[in-house]
Amino acid sequence: MSNLYLADLSGELQQEPIRKGFGRGLLEAGKRNENVVAACADLTESTQMHLFKEQFPERFVEIGVAEQNLVTVGSGLAAMGKIPFVSSYAAFSPGRNWEQIRTTICLNEMPVRVVGSHAGVSVGPDGATHQMLEDIALMRVLPHMVVICPGDSLEAEKVTLALAEDKRPAYLRLAREATPIITTAKTPFEIGKAYVYNAGADVTIITTGSMTYQALAAAEKLYKDGIEAEVIHVPTIKPLDRETILKSVRKTRCVVTAEEAQAAGGLGGAIAELLADECPAPMVRIGMKDRFGESGAPNELLEYFGLDAKHIRLAAHHVVDRK
């Protein structure tokens, strides 16, 4: 294990929705800076913006079910020197308003923080329409856009505070379901940095969001199989921490990526592009394979779609055999 002040993974971990960390972080950011403002598309409690709304009602705008207007208003607030956070479900923002994000935010380099909650198949029974899987790819391709997917609620809190200080357009991806808290208050976070959460020499597992817990669980099983897996947590998908990733891959010479999103164009796509340019290596991408989600219990869906620790472990065995 790393020395990054992680939680004790050998015991039972506390669980909390990642979005709750965002809510706490936004409230704290508002206390620190009166220019922090927020707007939501009629999902204030779901996205955990209600904490900020209750404390700073004069700095909160309820846009209603109008996601295109949501981000356009956010761009205007940023142009006037405010620090706007705008939130909705990821299926709607960026799913419904990508063109407005592109034109009013990224083209003008307006530092709007677009918060997409309830992303991934772990949204569960809401089904395919609300299980946003394409958002990482959609946002990663936009010029100037920072893309961040925190691994747990504590990291989401740190991310939110960091974004309030950053001057770039940003997308913050949040999950709905309660997930294990794998970090602590002392675990570092910096925009643009990846972190080695488990050291190893045989295979590099690169992961993001709540999938980092699954990767760490897989690494524990792999160690018993005689395979030392290096787990790299990548909260910032763009800009990518090339140095940390390349250093690991040059050591292990094979890679597994894991994300709760489409395998095409997301984290796996970013890593494949990097390795094709700098360090070609055998690679397996864990993610949704050109299909939509389905309704079901979150853990059942992760297993059904091959997004759990068991499938990461199998992928690691496969890629090690290809070296």
C-alpha atoms as a PDB file:
ATOM      1  CA  MET A   1       0.000   0.000   0.000  1.00  0.00           C
ATOM      2  CA  SER A   2       1.080   3.599  -0.513  1.00  0.00           C
ATOM      3  CA  ASN A   3       2.003   6.167   2.140  1.00  0.00           C
ATOM      4  CA  LEU A   4      -0.749   8.585   1.082  1.00  0.00           C
ATOM      5  CA  TYR A   5      -2.719   8.351   4.327  1.00  0.00           C
ATOM      6  CA  LEU A   6      -5.376   6.036   2.903  1.00  0.00           C
ATOM      7  CA  ALA A   7      -8.073   4.487   5.063  1.00  0.00           C
ATOM      8  CA  ASP A   8      -7.454   1.034   6.516  1.00  0.00           C
ATOM      9  CA  LEU A   9      -8.834  -1.106   3.713  1.00  0.00           C
ATOM     10  CA  SER A  10      -8.568  -4.315   5.719  1.00  0.00           C
ATOM     11  CA  GLY A  11     -11.563  -3.403   7.864  1.00  0.00           C
ATOM     12  CA  GLU A  12     -15.132  -2.405   7.095  1.00  0.00           C
ATOM     13  CA  LEU A  13     -15.103   0.954   5.355  1.00  0.00           C
ATOM     14  CA  GLN A  14     -17.552   3.766   5.952  1.00  0.00           C
ATOM     15  CA  GLN A  15     -19.706   4.497   2.912  1.00  0.00           C
ATOM     16  CA  GLU A  16     -21.173   7.779   1.693  1.00  0.00           C
ATOM     17  CA  PRO A  17     -22.388   9.166  -1.646  1.00  0.00           C
ATOM     18  CA  ILE A  18     -19.590  11.059  -3.388  1.00  0.00           C
ATOM     19  CA  ARG A  19     -21.996  13.919  -4.126  1.00  0.00           C
ATOM     20  CA  LYS A  20     -22.280  14.655  -0.397  1.00  0.00           C
ATOM     21  CA  GLY A  21     -18.636  15.626  -0.347  1.00  0.00           C
ATOM     22  CA  PHE A  22     -19.332  18.096  -3.129  1.00  0.00           C
ATOM     23  CA  GLY A  23     -22.163  19.617  -1.104  1.00  0.00           C
ATOM     24  CA  ARG A  24     -19.927  20.135   1.916  1.00  0.00           C
ATOM     25  CA  GLY A  25     -17.110  21.477  -0.239  1.00  0.00           C
ATOM     26  CA  LEU A  26     -19.363  23.984  -1.988  1.00  0.00           C
ATOM     27  CA  LEU A  27     -20.688  25.264   1.341  1.00  0.00           C
ATOM     28  CA  GLU A  28     -17.143  25.719   2.649  1.00  0.00           C
ATOM     29  CA  ALA A  29     -16.042  27.415  -0.575  1.00  0.00           C
ATOM     30  CA  GLY A  30     -18.952  29.827  -0.168  1.00  0.00           C
ATOM     31  CA  LYS A  31     -17.866  30.650   3.356  1.00  0.00           C
ATOM     32  CA  ARG A  32     -14.307  31.335   2.194  1.00  0.00           C
ATOM     33  CA  ASN A  33     -15.187  33.524  -0.789  1.00  0.00           C
ATOM     34  CA  GLU A  34     -18.294  35.660  -1.252  1.00  0.00           C
ATOM     35  CA  ASN A  35     -17.892  35.480  -5.038  1.00  0.00           C
ATOM     36  CA  VAL A  36     -18.778  31.776  -5.057  1.00  0.00           C
ATOM     37  CA  VAL A  37     -22.273  31.393  -6.504  1.00  0.00           C
ATOM     38  CA  ALA A  38     -24.402  28.386  -7.452  1.00  0.00           C
ATOM     39  CA  ALA A  39     -27.174  27.513  -9.870  1.00  0.00           C
ATOM     40  CA  CYS A  40     -29.148  24.301 -10.305  1.00  0.00           C
ATOM     41  CA  ALA A  41     -31.622  22.783 -12.761  1.00  0.00           C
ATOM     42  CA  ASP A  42     -34.366  21.779 -10.308  1.00  0.00           C
ATOM     43  CA  LEU A  43     -32.287  19.061  -8.595  1.00  0.00           C
ATOM     44  CA  THR A  44     -30.939  20.990  -5.635  1.00  0.00           C
ATOM     45  CA  GLU A  45     -31.132  18.248  -2.989  1.00  0.00           C
ATOM     46  CA  SER A  46     -30.152  15.452  -5.374  1.00  0.00           C
ATOM     47  CA  THR A  47     -26.947  17.268  -6.306  1.00  0.00           C
ATOM     48  CA  GLN A  48     -26.417  18.367  -2.674  1.00  0.00           C
ATOM     49  CA  MET A  49     -26.539  22.082  -3.542  1.00  0.00           C
ATOM     50  CA  HIS A  50     -29.236  22.619  -0.920  1.00  0.00           C
ATOM     51  CA  LEU A  51     -26.590  23.159   1.766  1.00  0.00           C
ATOM     52  CA  PHE A  52     -25.248  26.185  -0.111  1.00  0.00           C
ATOM     53  CA  LYS A  53     -28.750  27.406  -0.979  1.00  0.00           C
ATOM     54  CA  GLU A  54     -29.850  27.357   2.659  1.00  0.00           C
ATOM     55  CA  GLN A  55     -26.759  29.237   3.848  1.00  0.00           C
ATOM     56  CA  PHE A  56     -26.477  31.710   0.951  1.00  0.00           C
ATOM     57  CA  PRO A  57     -29.929  32.103  -0.657  1.00  0.00           C
ATOM     58  CA  GLU A  58     -28.953  35.435  -2.233  1.00  0.00           C
ATOM     59  CA  ARG A  59     -26.084  33.704  -4.077  1.00  0.00           C
ATOM     60  CA  PHE A  60     -28.160  30.791  -5.405  1.00  0.00           C
ATOM     61  CA  VAL A  61     -30.288  30.680  -8.563  1.00  0.00           C
ATOM     62  CA  GLU A  62     -32.867  27.976  -9.287  1.00  0.00           C
ATOM     63  CA  ILE A  63     -32.885  27.817 -13.086  1.00  0.00           C
ATOM     64  CA  GLY A  64     -35.520  25.103 -13.406  1.00  0.00           C
ATOM     65  CA  VAL A  65     -35.561  22.342 -16.011  1.00  0.00           C
ATOM     66  CA  ALA A  66     -33.531  24.353 -18.518  1.00  0.00           C
ATOM     67  CA  GLU A  67     -30.007  22.938 -18.686  1.00  0.00           C
ATOM     68  CA  GLN A  68     -28.952  24.993 -21.723  1.00  0.00           C
ATOM     69  CA  ASN A  69     -29.870  28.138 -19.820  1.00  0.00           C
ATOM     70  CA  LEU A  70     -28.129  26.790 -16.709  1.00  0.00           C
ATOM     71  CA  VAL A  71     -24.648  26.780 -18.232  1.00  0.00           C
ATOM     72  CA  THR A  72     -25.214  29.968 -20.223  1.00  0.00           C
ATOM     73  CA  VAL A  73     -26.157  31.816 -17.022  1.00  0.00           C
ATOM     74  CA  GLY A  74     -23.059  30.277 -15.448  1.00  0.00           C
ATOM     75  CA  SER A  75     -20.912  31.712 -18.229  1.00  0.00           C
ATOM     76  CA  GLY A  76     -22.418  35.154 -17.698  1.00  0.00           C
ATOM     77  CA  LEU A  77     -21.761  34.983 -13.959  1.00  0.00           C
ATOM     78  CA  ALA A  78     -18.147  34.019 -14.620  1.00  0.00           C
ATOM     79  CA  ALA A  79     -17.760  36.911 -17.062  1.00  0.00           C
ATOM     80  CA  MET A  80     -18.831  39.250 -14.245  1.00  0.00           C
ATOM     81  CA  GLY A  81     -16.130  37.950 -11.914  1.00  0.00           C
ATOM     82  CA  LYS A  82     -18.169  35.422  -9.977  1.00  0.00           C
ATOM     83  CA  ILE A  83     -17.091  31.839  -9.227  1.00  0.00           C
ATOM     84  CA  PRO A  84     -20.057  29.783 -10.499  1.00  0.00           C
ATOM     85  CA  PHE A  85     -20.875  26.131  -9.832  1.00  0.00           C
ATOM     86  CA  VAL A  86     -23.796  24.804 -11.905  1.00  0.00           C
ATOM     87  CA  SER A  87     -25.298  21.383 -11.234  1.00  0.00           C
ATOM     88  CA  SER A  88     -27.714  18.848 -12.644  1.00  0.00           C
ATOM     89  CA  TYR A  89     -27.761  15.157 -13.441  1.00  0.00           C
ATOM     90  CA  ALA A  90     -24.928  14.235 -15.792  1.00  0.00           C
ATOM     91  CA  ALA A  91     -27.499  12.787 -18.213  1.00  0.00           C
ATOM     92  CA  PHE A  92     -28.777  16.344 -18.711  1.00  0.00           C
ATOM     93  CA  SER A  93     -25.616  18.369 -18.126  1.00  0.00           C
ATOM     94  CA  PRO A  94     -23.510  17.755 -20.188  1.00  0.00           C
ATOM     95  CA  GLY A  95     -25.885  15.296 -21.849  1.00  0.00           C
ATOM     96  CA  ARG A  96     -28.412  17.900 -23.011  1.00  0.00           C
ATOM     97  CA  ASN A  97     -26.392  21.125 -23.149  1.00  0.00           C
ATOM     98  CA  TRP A  98     -23.013  20.164 -24.588  1.00  0.00           C
ATOM     99  CA  GLU A  99     -23.210  22.758 -27.363  1.00  0.00           C
ATOM    100  CA  GLN A 100     -23.817  25.569 -24.876  1.00  0.00           C
ATOM    101  CA  ILE A 101     -20.921  24.334 -22.721  1.00  0.00           C
ATOM    102  CA  ARG A 102     -18.718  24.296 -25.802  1.00  0.00           C
ATOM    103  CA  THR A 103     -19.681  27.709 -27.093  1.00  0.00           C
ATOM    104  CA  THR A 104     -20.430  29.861 -24.058  1.00  0.00           C
ATOM    105  CA  ILE A 105     -17.955  28.326 -21.599  1.00  0.00           C
ATOM    106  CA  CYS A 106     -15.008  26.667 -23.357  1.00  0.00           C
ATOM    107  CA  LEU A 107     -14.734  28.874 -26.436  1.00  0.00           C
ATOM    108  CA  ASN A 108     -14.702  31.950 -24.193  1.00  0.00           C
ATOM    109  CA  GLU A 109     -12.565  30.243 -21.523  1.00  0.00           C
ATOM    110  CA  MET A 110     -15.086  31.064 -18.808  1.00  0.00           C
ATOM    111  CA  PRO A 111     -14.247  29.346 -15.490  1.00  0.00           C
ATOM    112  CA  VAL A 112     -17.608  27.686 -14.939  1.00  0.00           C
ATOM    113  CA  ARG A 113     -17.621  24.532 -12.825  1.00  0.00           C
ATOM    114  CA  VAL A 114     -20.122  22.141 -14.431  1.00  0.00           C
ATOM    115  CA  VAL A 115     -21.186  19.498 -11.912  1.00  0.00           C
ATOM    116  CA  GLY A 116     -22.696  16.319 -13.358  1.00  0.00           C
ATOM    117  CA  SER A 117     -24.201  14.121 -10.652  1.00  0.00           C
ATOM    118  CA  HIS A 118     -25.691  10.606 -10.830  1.00  0.00           C
ATOM    119  CA  ALA A 119     -23.189   9.406 -13.445  1.00  0.00           C
ATOM    120  CA  GLY A 120     -22.459   5.758 -14.301  1.00  0.00           C
ATOM    121  CA  VAL A 121     -24.490   2.552 -14.144  1.00  0.00           C
ATOM    122  CA  SER A 122     -24.455   2.671 -10.332  1.00  0.00           C
ATOM    123  CA  VAL A 123     -27.371   5.117 -10.612  1.00  0.00           C
ATOM    124  CA  GLY A 124     -29.162   1.766 -10.572  1.00  0.00           C
ATOM    125  CA  PRO A 125     -32.946   1.445 -10.993  1.00  0.00           C
ATOM    126  CA  ASP A 126     -33.318   4.741 -12.887  1.00  0.00           C
ATOM    127  CA  GLY A 127     -32.090   2.816 -15.921  1.00  0.00           C
ATOM    128  CA  ALA A 128     -30.344   3.606 -19.182  1.00  0.00           C
ATOM    129  CA  THR A 129     -31.833   7.074 -19.737  1.00  0.00           C
ATOM    130  CA  HIS A 130     -30.286   8.364 -16.502  1.00  0.00           C
ATOM    131  CA  GLN A 131     -27.104   6.267 -16.411  1.00  0.00           C
ATOM    132  CA  MET A 132     -24.748   8.745 -18.054  1.00  0.00           C
ATOM    133  CA  LEU A 133     -21.776   6.865 -19.489  1.00  0.00           C
ATOM    134  CA  GLU A 134     -20.553   9.166 -22.253  1.00  0.00           C
ATOM    135  CA  ASP A 135     -19.813  12.302 -20.233  1.00  0.00           C
ATOM    136  CA  ILE A 136     -16.082  11.735 -19.689  1.00  0.00           C
ATOM    137  CA  ALA A 137     -15.547  11.404 -23.431  1.00  0.00           C
ATOM    138  CA  LEU A 138     -17.799  14.379 -24.204  1.00  0.00           C
ATOM    139  CA  MET A 139     -16.041  16.706 -21.798  1.00  0.00           C
ATOM    140  CA  ARG A 140     -12.490  15.469 -22.296  1.00  0.00           C
ATOM    141  CA  VAL A 141     -12.553  16.424 -25.969  1.00  0.00           C
ATOM    142  CA  LEU A 142     -13.459  20.068 -25.270  1.00  0.00           C
ATOM    143  CA  PRO A 143     -10.539  22.512 -25.460  1.00  0.00           C
ATOM    144  CA  HIS A 144      -9.641  24.183 -22.134  1.00  0.00           C
ATOM    145  CA  MET A 145     -11.901  21.843 -20.109  1.00  0.00           C
ATOM    146  CA  VAL A 146     -10.607  20.242 -16.895  1.00  0.00           C
ATOM    147  CA  VAL A 147     -12.254  16.871 -16.136  1.00  0.00           C
ATOM    148  CA  ILE A 148     -12.280  15.465 -12.598  1.00  0.00           C
ATOM    149  CA  CYS A 149     -13.839  12.294 -11.178  1.00  0.00           C
ATOM    150  CA  PRO A 150     -13.189  11.951  -7.408  1.00  0.00           C
ATOM    151  CA  GLY A 151     -12.797   8.546  -5.796  1.00  0.00           C
ATOM    152  CA  ASP A 152     -14.886   9.148  -2.693  1.00  0.00           C
ATOM    153  CA  SER A 153     -16.797  11.828  -0.791  1.00  0.00           C
ATOM    154  CA  LEU A 154     -13.758  13.147   1.073  1.00  0.00           C
ATOM    155  CA  GLU A 155     -11.866  13.663  -2.151  1.00  0.00           C
ATOM    156  CA  ALA A 156     -14.933  15.311  -3.727  1.00  0.00           C
ATOM    157  CA  GLU A 157     -14.859  17.880  -0.926  1.00  0.00           C
ATOM    158  CA  LYS A 158     -11.193  18.652  -1.624  1.00  0.00           C
ATOM    159  CA  VAL A 159     -11.841  18.801  -5.373  1.00  0.00           C
ATOM    160  CA  THR A 160     -14.631  21.342  -4.935  1.00  0.00           C
ATOM    161  CA  LEU A 161     -12.454  23.626  -2.832  1.00  0.00           C
ATOM    162  CA  ALA A 162      -9.643  23.351  -5.386  1.00  0.00           C
ATOM    163  CA  LEU A 163     -11.983  24.145  -8.282  1.00  0.00           C
ATOM    164  CA  ALA A 164     -13.183  27.277  -6.487  1.00  0.00           C
ATOM    165  CA  GLU A 165      -9.573  28.513  -6.695  1.00  0.00           C
ATOM    166  CA  ASP A 166      -8.907  27.342 -10.271  1.00  0.00           C
ATOM    167  CA  LYS A 167      -9.412  29.683 -13.229  1.00  0.00           C
ATOM    168  CA  ARG A 168     -10.314  27.150 -15.936  1.00  0.00           C
ATOM    169  CA  PRO A 169     -13.590  25.639 -17.161  1.00  0.00           C
ATOM    170  CA  ALA A 170     -14.126  22.364 -15.328  1.00  0.00           C
ATOM    171  CA  TYR A 171     -16.368  19.310 -15.238  1.00  0.00           C
ATOM    172  CA  LEU A 172     -16.881  17.494 -11.936  1.00  0.00           C
ATOM    173  CA  ARG A 173     -18.345  13.978 -12.246  1.00  0.00           C
ATOM    174  CA  LEU A 174     -20.228  12.591  -9.236  1.00  0.00           C
ATOM    175  CA  ALA A 175     -21.862   9.257  -8.430  1.00  0.00           C
ATOM    176  CA  ARG A 176     -25.251   8.795  -6.763  1.00  0.00           C
ATOM    177  CA  GLU A 177     -24.871   5.660  -4.648  1.00  0.00           C
ATOM    178  CA  ALA A 178     -23.002   5.423  -1.358  1.00  0.00           C
ATOM    179  CA  THR A 179     -19.485   4.124  -2.011  1.00  0.00           C
ATOM    180  CA  PRO A 180     -16.564   3.215   0.291  1.00  0.00           C
ATOM    181  CA  ILE A 181     -14.485   6.063   1.696  1.00  0.00           C
ATOM    182  CA  ILE A 182     -10.927   4.997   0.859  1.00  0.00           C
ATOM    183  CA  THR A 183      -9.113   8.265   1.647  1.00  0.00           C
ATOM    184  CA  THR A 184      -8.685  10.350   4.781  1.00  0.00           C
ATOM    185  CA  ALA A 185      -8.493  14.052   5.535  1.00  0.00           C
ATOM    186  CA  LYS A 186      -4.704  13.830   5.074  1.00  0.00           C
ATOM    187  CA  THR A 187      -4.777  12.102   1.679  1.00  0.00           C
ATOM    188  CA  PRO A 188      -3.430  14.597  -0.875  1.00  0.00           C
ATOM    189  CA  PHE A 189      -5.334  15.992  -3.830  1.00  0.00           C
ATOM    190  CA  GLU A 190      -4.119  18.418  -6.451  1.00  0.00           C
ATOM    191  CA  ILE A 191      -5.713  19.157  -9.820  1.00  0.00           C
ATOM    192  CA  GLY A 192      -3.691  17.429 -12.523  1.00  0.00           C
ATOM    193  CA  LYS A 193      -2.073  14.837 -10.250  1.00  0.00           C
ATOM    194  CA  ALA A 194      -2.458  11.054 -10.233  1.00  0.00           C
ATOM    195  CA  TYR A 195      -1.596   9.010  -7.164  1.00  0.00           C
ATOM    196  CA  VAL A 196      -0.088   5.556  -6.668  1.00  0.00           C
ATOM    197  CA  TYR A 197      -2.426   3.985  -4.125  1.00  0.00           C
ATOM    198  CA  ASN A 198      -0.778   0.554  -4.268  1.00  0.00           C
ATOM    199  CA  ALA A 199       2.778  -0.138  -5.361  1.00  0.00           C
ATOM    200  CA  GLY A 200       3.567  -3.090  -7.627  1.00  0.00           C
ATOM    201  CA  ALA A 201       5.861  -4.268 -10.401  1.00  0.00           C
ATOM    202  CA  ASP A 202       3.813  -6.675 -12.536  1.00  0.00           C
ATOM    203  CA  VAL A 203       0.825  -4.719 -13.908  1.00  0.00           C
ATOM    204  CA  THR A 204      -0.428  -1.139 -13.764  1.00  0.00           C
ATOM    205  CA  ILE A 205      -4.136  -0.669 -12.984  1.00  0.00           C
ATOM    206  CA  ILE A 206      -5.241   2.869 -13.825  1.00  0.00           C
ATOM    207  CA  THR A 207      -8.625   3.865 -12.512  1.00  0.00           C
ATOM    208  CA  THR A 208     -10.850   6.776 -11.557  1.00  0.00           C
ATOM    209  CA  GLY A 209     -13.891   7.585  -9.454  1.00  0.00           C
ATOM    210  CA  SER A 210     -15.493   4.895  -7.310  1.00  0.00           C
ATOM    211  CA  MET A 211     -13.788   2.238  -9.463  1.00  0.00           C
ATOM    212  CA  THR A 212     -10.577   2.912  -7.541  1.00  0.00           C
ATOM    213  CA  TYR A 213     -11.999   0.942  -4.617  1.00  0.00           C
ATOM    214  CA  GLN A 214     -12.714  -1.970  -6.972  1.00  0.00           C
ATOM    215  CA  ALA A 215      -9.141  -1.771  -8.295  1.00  0.00           C
ATOM    216  CA  LEU A 216      -7.674  -1.873  -4.783  1.00  0.00           C
ATOM    217  CA  ALA A 217      -9.832  -4.889  -3.931  1.00  0.00           C
ATOM    218  CA  ALA A 218      -8.610  -6.573  -7.129  1.00  0.00           C
ATOM    219  CA  ALA A 219      -4.987  -5.776  -6.251  1.00  0.00           C
ATOM    220  CA  GLU A 220      -5.386  -7.543  -2.897  1.00  0.00           C
ATOM    221  CA  LYS A 221      -6.613 -10.706  -4.663  1.00  0.00           C
ATOM    222  CA  LEU A 222      -3.903 -10.431  -7.314  1.00  0.00           C
ATOM    223  CA  TYR A 223      -1.215 -10.322  -4.622  1.00  0.00           C
ATOM    224  CA  LYS A 224      -2.463 -13.687  -3.375  1.00  0.00           C
ATOM    225  CA  ASP A 225      -2.235 -14.889  -6.993  1.00  0.00           C
ATOM    226  CA  GLY A 226       1.425 -13.890  -7.095  1.00  0.00           C
ATOM    227  CA  ILE A 227       0.870 -10.709  -9.136  1.00  0.00           C
ATOM    228  CA  GLU A 228       1.898  -7.341  -7.733  1.00  0.00           C
ATOM    229  CA  ALA A 229      -0.473  -4.709  -9.122  1.00  0.00           C
ATOM    230  CA  GLU A 230       0.349  -1.015  -9.076  1.00  0.00           C
ATOM    231  CA  VAL A 231      -2.925   0.886  -8.655  1.00  0.00           C
ATOM    232  CA  ILE A 232      -2.922   4.476  -9.887  1.00  0.00           C
ATOM    233  CA  HIS A 233      -5.886   6.630  -8.914  1.00  0.00           C
ATOM    234  CA  VAL A 234      -6.531   9.279 -11.572  1.00  0.00           C
ATOM    235  CA  PRO A 235      -9.032  11.825 -10.207  1.00  0.00           C
ATOM    236  CA  THR A 236      -8.016  14.355 -12.875  1.00  0.00           C
ATOM    237  CA  ILE A 237      -8.655  12.767 -16.254  1.00  0.00           C
ATOM    238  CA  LYS A 238      -7.760  16.008 -18.015  1.00  0.00           C
ATOM    239  CA  PRO A 239      -5.074  17.314 -17.775  1.00  0.00           C
ATOM    240  CA  LEU A 240      -3.576  13.846 -17.416  1.00  0.00           C
ATOM    241  CA  ASP A 241      -0.602  13.227 -15.134  1.00  0.00           C
ATOM    242  CA  ARG A 242       1.592  11.804 -17.872  1.00  0.00           C
ATOM    243  CA  GLU A 243       4.719  11.502 -15.744  1.00  0.00           C
ATOM    244  CA  THR A 244       3.203   9.318 -13.023  1.00  0.00           C
ATOM    245  CA  ILE A 245       1.433   7.054 -15.503  1.00  0.00           C
ATOM    246  CA  LEU A 246       4.390   6.597 -17.855  1.00  0.00           C
ATOM    247  CA  LYS A 247       6.780   5.893 -14.986  1.00  0.00           C
ATOM    248  CA  SER A 248       4.563   3.052 -13.816  1.00  0.00           C
ATOM    249  CA  VAL A 249       3.915   1.544 -17.254  1.00  0.00           C
ATOM    250  CA  ARG A 250       7.615   1.581 -18.142  1.00  0.00           C
ATOM    251  CA  LYS A 251       8.144  -0.490 -14.991  1.00  0.00           C
ATOM    252  CA  THR A 252       5.278  -2.987 -15.314  1.00  0.00           C
ATOM    253  CA  ARG A 253       5.013  -3.091 -19.144  1.00  0.00           C
ATOM    254  CA  CYS A 254       1.245  -3.791 -19.161  1.00  0.00           C
ATOM    255  CA  VAL A 255      -1.913  -1.893 -18.258  1.00  0.00           C
ATOM    256  CA  VAL A 256      -5.539  -2.307 -17.189  1.00  0.00           C
ATOM    257  CA  THR A 257      -7.812   0.743 -17.104  1.00  0.00           C
ATOM    258  CA  ALA A 258     -11.099   0.767 -15.210  1.00  0.00           C
ATOM    259  CA  GLU A 259     -13.941   3.281 -15.267  1.00  0.00           C
ATOM    260  CA  GLU A 260     -17.697   3.361 -14.776  1.00  0.00           C
ATOM    261  CA  ALA A 261     -18.220   4.873 -18.209  1.00  0.00           C
ATOM    262  CA  GLN A 262     -17.900   4.042 -21.889  1.00  0.00           C
ATOM    263  CA  ALA A 263     -14.512   2.412 -22.481  1.00  0.00           C
ATOM    264  CA  ALA A 264     -14.289   4.331 -25.766  1.00  0.00           C
ATOM    265  CA  GLY A 265     -13.157   7.923 -25.379  1.00  0.00           C
ATOM    266  CA  GLY A 266     -13.023   8.122 -21.597  1.00  0.00           C
ATOM    267  CA  LEU A 267     -10.155   7.386 -19.217  1.00  0.00           C
ATOM    268  CA  GLY A 268      -9.223   4.276 -21.174  1.00  0.00           C
ATOM    269  CA  GLY A 269      -9.157   6.277 -24.379  1.00  0.00           C
ATOM    270  CA  ALA A 270      -6.939   8.920 -22.794  1.00  0.00           C
ATOM    271  CA  ILE A 271      -4.482   6.284 -21.549  1.00  0.00           C
ATOM    272  CA  ALA A 272      -4.467   4.481 -24.910  1.00  0.00           C
ATOM    273  CA  GLU A 273      -3.634   7.754 -26.675  1.00  0.00           C
ATOM    274  CA  LEU A 274      -0.815   8.496 -24.231  1.00  0.00           C
ATOM    275  CA  LEU A 275       0.722   5.038 -24.492  1.00  0.00           C
ATOM    276  CA  ALA A 276       0.446   4.965 -28.283  1.00  0.00           C
ATOM    277  CA  ASP A 277       2.498   8.169 -28.386  1.00  0.00           C
ATOM    278  CA  GLU A 278       4.991   7.448 -25.615  1.00  0.00           C
ATOM    279  CA  CYS A 279       5.090   3.846 -24.396  1.00  0.00           C
ATOM    280  CA  PRO A 280       3.175   1.117 -26.302  1.00  0.00           C
ATOM    281  CA  ALA A 281       2.198  -1.748 -23.989  1.00  0.00           C
ATOM    282  CA  PRO A 282      -0.408  -4.529 -23.776  1.00  0.00           C
ATOM    283  CA  MET A 283      -3.615  -3.011 -22.458  1.00  0.00           C
ATOM    284  CA  VAL A 284      -7.131  -4.040 -21.416  1.00  0.00           C
ATOM    285  CA  ARG A 285      -9.869  -1.454 -20.887  1.00  0.00           C
ATOM    286  CA  ILE A 286     -12.579  -2.160 -18.294  1.00  0.00           C
ATOM    287  CA  GLY A 287     -15.697  -0.115 -18.993  1.00  0.00           C
ATOM    288  CA  MET A 288     -18.979  -0.164 -20.853  1.00  0.00           C
ATOM    289  CA  LYS A 289     -18.437  -1.709 -24.274  1.00  0.00           C
ATOM    290  CA  ASP A 290     -20.579   0.181 -26.787  1.00  0.00           C
ATOM    291  CA  ARG A 291     -23.866  -0.336 -25.010  1.00  0.00           C
ATOM    292  CA  PHE A 292     -26.281   1.398 -22.676  1.00  0.00           C
ATOM    293  CA  GLY A 293     -27.004   0.451 -19.085  1.00  0.00           C
ATOM    294  CA  GLU A 294     -30.046  -1.268 -17.635  1.00  0.00           C
ATOM    295  CA  SER A 295     -32.209  -0.959 -14.550  1.00  0.00           C
ATOM    296  CA  GLY A 296     -31.075  -2.887 -11.493  1.00  0.00           C
ATOM    297  CA  ALA A 297     -29.349  -2.711  -8.122  1.00  0.00           C
ATOM    298  CA  PRO A 298     -26.018  -0.844  -8.334  1.00  0.00           C
ATOM    299  CA  ASN A 299     -23.788  -3.733  -7.244  1.00  0.00           C
ATOM    300  CA  GLU A 300     -25.624  -6.174  -9.504  1.00  0.00           C
ATOM    301  CA  LEU A 301     -25.091  -3.866 -12.463  1.00  0.00           C
ATOM    302  CA  LEU A 302     -21.379  -3.452 -11.745  1.00  0.00           C
ATOM    303  CA  GLU A 303     -20.970  -7.221 -11.755  1.00  0.00           C
ATOM    304  CA  TYR A 304     -23.218  -7.766 -14.771  1.00  0.00           C
ATOM    305  CA  PHE A 305     -21.307  -5.272 -16.887  1.00  0.00           C
ATOM    306  CA  GLY A 306     -17.900  -6.492 -15.721  1.00  0.00           C
ATOM    307  CA  LEU A 307     -17.021  -3.391 -13.708  1.00  0.00           C
ATOM    308  CA  ASP A 308     -16.162  -4.980 -10.370  1.00  0.00           C
ATOM    309  CA  ALA A 309     -13.001  -6.240  -8.674  1.00  0.00           C
ATOM    310  CA  LYS A 310     -13.455  -9.768 -10.020  1.00  0.00           C
ATOM    311  CA  HIS A 311     -13.334  -8.616 -13.628  1.00  0.00           C
ATOM    312  CA  ILE A 312     -10.410  -6.243 -13.011  1.00  0.00           C
ATOM    313  CA  ARG A 313      -8.520  -9.198 -11.536  1.00  0.00           C
ATOM    314  CA  LEU A 314      -9.264 -11.364 -14.587  1.00  0.00           C
ATOM    315  CA  ALA A 315      -8.194  -8.553 -16.936  1.00  0.00           C
ATOM    316  CA  ALA A 316      -4.918  -8.195 -15.044  1.00  0.00           C
ATOM    317  CA  HIS A 317      -4.162 -11.902 -15.434  1.00  0.00           C
ATOM    318  CA  HIS A 318      -4.924 -11.659 -19.146  1.00  0.00           C
ATOM    319  CA  VAL A 319      -2.716  -8.643 -19.809  1.00  0.00           C
ATOM    320  CA  VAL A 320       0.185 -10.031 -17.738  1.00  0.00           C
ATOM    321  CA  ASP A 321       0.085 -13.169 -19.889  1.00  0.00           C
ATOM    322  CA  ARG A 322       0.426 -10.974 -23.005  1.00  0.00           C
ATOM    323  CA  LYS A 323       3.666  -9.315 -21.888  1.00  0.00           C
END
